[in-house]
Amino acid sequence: MVEVKPAGAWQEYKFTNPVGKKIAPEVMYCEKLGQTTVCGGVYP
């Protein structure tokens, strides 16, 4: 079996939740695609 490693990176940080207006932890994944960096975040 071949192990595939992600090409991007995970980042944890604190962010103001737009709904509750409270500071909350967030996790974001970023990956470079050509000359563009694409990121997506979620509230755990």
PDB file of N, CA and C in Angstrom:
ATOM      1  N   MET A   1       0.843  -1.185   0.000  1.00  0.00           N
ATOM      2  CA  MET A   1       0.000   0.000   0.000  1.00  0.00           C
ATOM      3  C   MET A   1       0.891   1.253   0.000  1.00  0.00           C
ATOM      4  N   VAL A   2       0.554   2.221  -0.817  1.00  0.00           N
ATOM      5  CA  VAL A   2       1.320   3.454  -0.924  1.00  0.00           C
ATOM      6  C   VAL A   2       0.682   4.515  -0.037  1.00  0.00           C
ATOM      7  N   GLU A   3       1.496   5.126   0.822  1.00  0.00           N
ATOM      8  CA  GLU A   3       0.980   6.196   1.685  1.00  0.00           C
ATOM      9  C   GLU A   3       1.057   7.530   0.949  1.00  0.00           C
ATOM     10  N   VAL A   4      -0.069   8.237   0.895  1.00  0.00           N
ATOM     11  CA  VAL A   4      -0.123   9.541   0.229  1.00  0.00           C
ATOM     12  C   VAL A   4      -0.142  10.617   1.302  1.00  0.00           C
ATOM     13  N   LYS A   5       0.820  11.526   1.239  1.00  0.00           N
ATOM     14  CA  LYS A   5       0.878  12.618   2.207  1.00  0.00           C
ATOM     15  C   LYS A   5       0.210  13.847   1.605  1.00  0.00           C
ATOM     16  N   PRO A   6      -0.506  14.617   2.427  1.00  0.00           N
ATOM     17  CA  PRO A   6      -1.155  15.827   1.905  1.00  0.00           C
ATOM     18  C   PRO A   6      -0.122  16.829   1.403  1.00  0.00           C
ATOM     19  N   ALA A   7      -0.503  17.570   0.380  1.00  0.00           N
ATOM     20  CA  ALA A   7       0.393  18.560  -0.204  1.00  0.00           C
ATOM     21  C   ALA A   7       0.304  19.896   0.517  1.00  0.00           C
ATOM     22  N   GLY A   8      -0.670  20.041   1.402  1.00  0.00           N
ATOM     23  CA  GLY A   8      -0.881  21.311   2.091  1.00  0.00           C
ATOM     24  C   GLY A   8      -0.570  21.213   3.574  1.00  0.00           C
ATOM     25  N   ALA A   9      -1.167  22.137   4.327  1.00  0.00           N
ATOM     26  CA  ALA A   9      -0.899  22.198   5.758  1.00  0.00           C
ATOM     27  C   ALA A   9      -2.157  22.582   6.529  1.00  0.00           C
ATOM     28  N   TRP A  10      -2.280  22.044   7.750  1.00  0.00           N
ATOM     29  CA  TRP A  10      -3.361  22.392   8.672  1.00  0.00           C
ATOM     30  C   TRP A  10      -2.864  23.489   9.596  1.00  0.00           C
ATOM     31  N   GLN A  11      -3.745  24.415   9.944  1.00  0.00           N
ATOM     32  CA  GLN A  11      -3.400  25.496  10.862  1.00  0.00           C
ATOM     33  C   GLN A  11      -4.549  25.689  11.842  1.00  0.00           C
ATOM     34  N   GLU A  12      -4.234  25.738  13.136  1.00  0.00           N
ATOM     35  CA  GLU A  12      -5.229  26.029  14.161  1.00  0.00           C
ATOM     36  C   GLU A  12      -5.021  27.465  14.639  1.00  0.00           C
ATOM     37  N   TYR A  13      -6.104  28.197  14.854  1.00  0.00           N
ATOM     38  CA  TYR A  13      -6.017  29.576  15.330  1.00  0.00           C
ATOM     39  C   TYR A  13      -7.331  29.977  15.957  1.00  0.00           C
ATOM     40  N   LYS A  14      -7.397  31.147  16.527  1.00  0.00           N
ATOM     41  CA  LYS A  14      -8.632  31.662  17.126  1.00  0.00           C
ATOM     42  C   LYS A  14      -9.203  32.731  16.205  1.00  0.00           C
ATOM     43  N   PHE A  15     -10.525  32.761  16.099  1.00  0.00           N
ATOM     44  CA  PHE A  15     -11.204  33.642  15.166  1.00  0.00           C
ATOM     45  C   PHE A  15     -12.519  34.083  15.791  1.00  0.00           C
ATOM     46  N   THR A  16     -12.979  35.269  15.469  1.00  0.00           N
ATOM     47  CA  THR A  16     -14.276  35.723  15.964  1.00  0.00           C
ATOM     48  C   THR A  16     -15.374  35.061  15.145  1.00  0.00           C
ATOM     49  N   ASN A  17     -16.171  34.233  15.819  1.00  0.00           N
ATOM     50  CA  ASN A  17     -17.266  33.539  15.159  1.00  0.00           C
ATOM     51  C   ASN A  17     -18.264  34.578  14.654  1.00  0.00           C
ATOM     52  N   PRO A  18     -18.566  34.612  13.347  1.00  0.00           N
ATOM     53  CA  PRO A  18     -19.454  35.632  12.800  1.00  0.00           C
ATOM     54  C   PRO A  18     -20.894  35.532  13.297  1.00  0.00           C
ATOM     55  N   VAL A  19     -21.307  34.370  13.768  1.00  0.00           N
ATOM     56  CA  VAL A  19     -22.673  34.203  14.258  1.00  0.00           C
ATOM     57  C   VAL A  19     -22.789  34.608  15.727  1.00  0.00           C
ATOM     58  N   GLY A  20     -21.945  34.022  16.576  1.00  0.00           N
ATOM     59  CA  GLY A  20     -22.042  34.272  18.013  1.00  0.00           C
ATOM     60  C   GLY A  20     -21.212  35.449  18.508  1.00  0.00           C
ATOM     61  N   LYS A  21     -20.346  36.000  17.632  1.00  0.00           N
ATOM     62  CA  LYS A  21     -19.475  37.136  17.955  1.00  0.00           C
ATOM     63  C   LYS A  21     -18.504  36.833  19.095  1.00  0.00           C
ATOM     64  N   LYS A  22     -18.261  35.542  19.389  1.00  0.00           N
ATOM     65  CA  LYS A  22     -17.308  35.153  20.422  1.00  0.00           C
ATOM     66  C   LYS A  22     -16.062  34.588  19.761  1.00  0.00           C
ATOM     67  N   ILE A  23     -14.939  34.722  20.448  1.00  0.00           N
ATOM     68  CA  ILE A  23     -13.691  34.158  19.935  1.00  0.00           C
ATOM     69  C   ILE A  23     -13.763  32.647  20.100  1.00  0.00           C
ATOM     70  N   ALA A  24     -13.501  31.926  19.013  1.00  0.00           N
ATOM     71  CA  ALA A  24     -13.607  30.470  19.006  1.00  0.00           C
ATOM     72  C   ALA A  24     -12.422  29.869  18.251  1.00  0.00           C
ATOM     73  N   PRO A  25     -12.067  28.621  18.578  1.00  0.00           N
ATOM     74  CA  PRO A  25     -10.998  27.970  17.818  1.00  0.00           C
ATOM     75  C   PRO A  25     -11.491  27.629  16.417  1.00  0.00           C
ATOM     76  N   GLU A  26     -10.588  27.679  15.464  1.00  0.00           N
ATOM     77  CA  GLU A  26     -10.918  27.305  14.091  1.00  0.00           C
ATOM     78  C   GLU A  26      -9.742  26.521  13.538  1.00  0.00           C
ATOM     79  N   VAL A  27     -10.028  25.633  12.605  1.00  0.00           N
ATOM     80  CA  VAL A  27      -8.998  24.848  11.936  1.00  0.00           C
ATOM     81  C   VAL A  27      -9.110  25.124  10.445  1.00  0.00           C
ATOM     82  N   MET A  28      -7.962  25.364   9.807  1.00  0.00           N
ATOM     83  CA  MET A  28      -7.955  25.691   8.379  1.00  0.00           C
ATOM     84  C   MET A  28      -6.938  24.793   7.673  1.00  0.00           C
ATOM     85  N   TYR A  29      -7.276  24.368   6.468  1.00  0.00           N
ATOM     86  CA  TYR A  29      -6.365  23.599   5.628  1.00  0.00           C
ATOM     87  C   TYR A  29      -6.074  24.416   4.381  1.00  0.00           C
ATOM     88  N   CYS A  30      -4.803  24.554   4.034  1.00  0.00           N
ATOM     89  CA  CYS A  30      -4.393  25.304   2.839  1.00  0.00           C
ATOM     90  C   CYS A  30      -3.531  24.417   1.953  1.00  0.00           C
ATOM     91  N   GLU A  31      -3.727  24.582   0.656  1.00  0.00           N
ATOM     92  CA  GLU A  31      -2.935  23.846  -0.315  1.00  0.00           C
ATOM     93  C   GLU A  31      -2.703  24.729  -1.530  1.00  0.00           C
ATOM     94  N   LYS A  32      -1.481  24.703  -2.047  1.00  0.00           N
ATOM     95  CA  LYS A  32      -1.143  25.499  -3.221  1.00  0.00           C
ATOM     96  C   LYS A  32      -1.489  24.712  -4.474  1.00  0.00           C
ATOM     97  N   LEU A  33      -2.264  25.330  -5.355  1.00  0.00           N
ATOM     98  CA  LEU A  33      -2.645  24.728  -6.630  1.00  0.00           C
ATOM     99  C   LEU A  33      -2.149  25.643  -7.732  1.00  0.00           C
ATOM    100  N   GLY A  34      -1.041  25.275  -8.340  1.00  0.00           N
ATOM    101  CA  GLY A  34      -0.422  26.145  -9.341  1.00  0.00           C
ATOM    102  C   GLY A  34       0.088  27.399  -8.660  1.00  0.00           C
ATOM    103  N   GLN A  35      -0.393  28.563  -9.082  1.00  0.00           N
ATOM    104  CA  GLN A  35       0.017  29.826  -8.466  1.00  0.00           C
ATOM    105  C   GLN A  35      -1.062  30.371  -7.532  1.00  0.00           C
ATOM    106  N   THR A  36      -2.028  29.534  -7.192  1.00  0.00           N
ATOM    107  CA  THR A  36      -3.122  29.941  -6.315  1.00  0.00           C
ATOM    108  C   THR A  36      -3.080  29.117  -5.034  1.00  0.00           C
ATOM    109  N   THR A  37      -3.329  29.752  -3.904  1.00  0.00           N
ATOM    110  CA  THR A  37      -3.442  29.043  -2.636  1.00  0.00           C
ATOM    111  C   THR A  37      -4.916  28.974  -2.265  1.00  0.00           C
ATOM    112  N   VAL A  38      -5.399  27.769  -1.983  1.00  0.00           N
ATOM    113  CA  VAL A  38      -6.797  27.541  -1.636  1.00  0.00           C
ATOM    114  C   VAL A  38      -6.860  27.109  -0.172  1.00  0.00           C
ATOM    115  N   CYS A  39      -7.731  27.751   0.618  1.00  0.00           N
ATOM    116  CA  CYS A  39      -7.883  27.424   2.030  1.00  0.00           C
ATOM    117  C   CYS A  39      -9.355  27.245   2.365  1.00  0.00           C
ATOM    118  N   GLY A  40      -9.602  26.363   3.309  1.00  0.00           N
ATOM    119  CA  GLY A  40     -10.958  26.155   3.798  1.00  0.00           C
ATOM    120  C   GLY A  40     -10.892  25.986   5.307  1.00  0.00           C
ATOM    121  N   GLY A  41     -11.837  26.599   6.008  1.00  0.00           N
ATOM    122  CA  GLY A  41     -11.827  26.534   7.460  1.00  0.00           C
ATOM    123  C   GLY A  41     -13.116  25.990   8.026  1.00  0.00           C
ATOM    124  N   VAL A  42     -13.013  25.391   9.224  1.00  0.00           N
ATOM    125  CA  VAL A  42     -14.181  24.869   9.920  1.00  0.00           C
ATOM    126  C   VAL A  42     -14.079  25.216  11.389  1.00  0.00           C
ATOM    127  N   TYR A  43     -15.236  25.363  12.035  1.00  0.00           N
ATOM    128  CA  TYR A  43     -15.284  25.531  13.479  1.00  0.00           C
ATOM    129  C   TYR A  43     -15.439  24.135  14.072  1.00  0.00           C
ATOM    130  N   PRO A  44     -14.457  23.680  14.866  1.00  0.00           N
ATOM    131  CA  PRO A  44     -14.587  22.327  15.444  1.00  0.00           C
ATOM    132  C   PRO A  44     -15.657  22.275  16.512  1.00  0.00           C
TER     133      PRO A  44
END
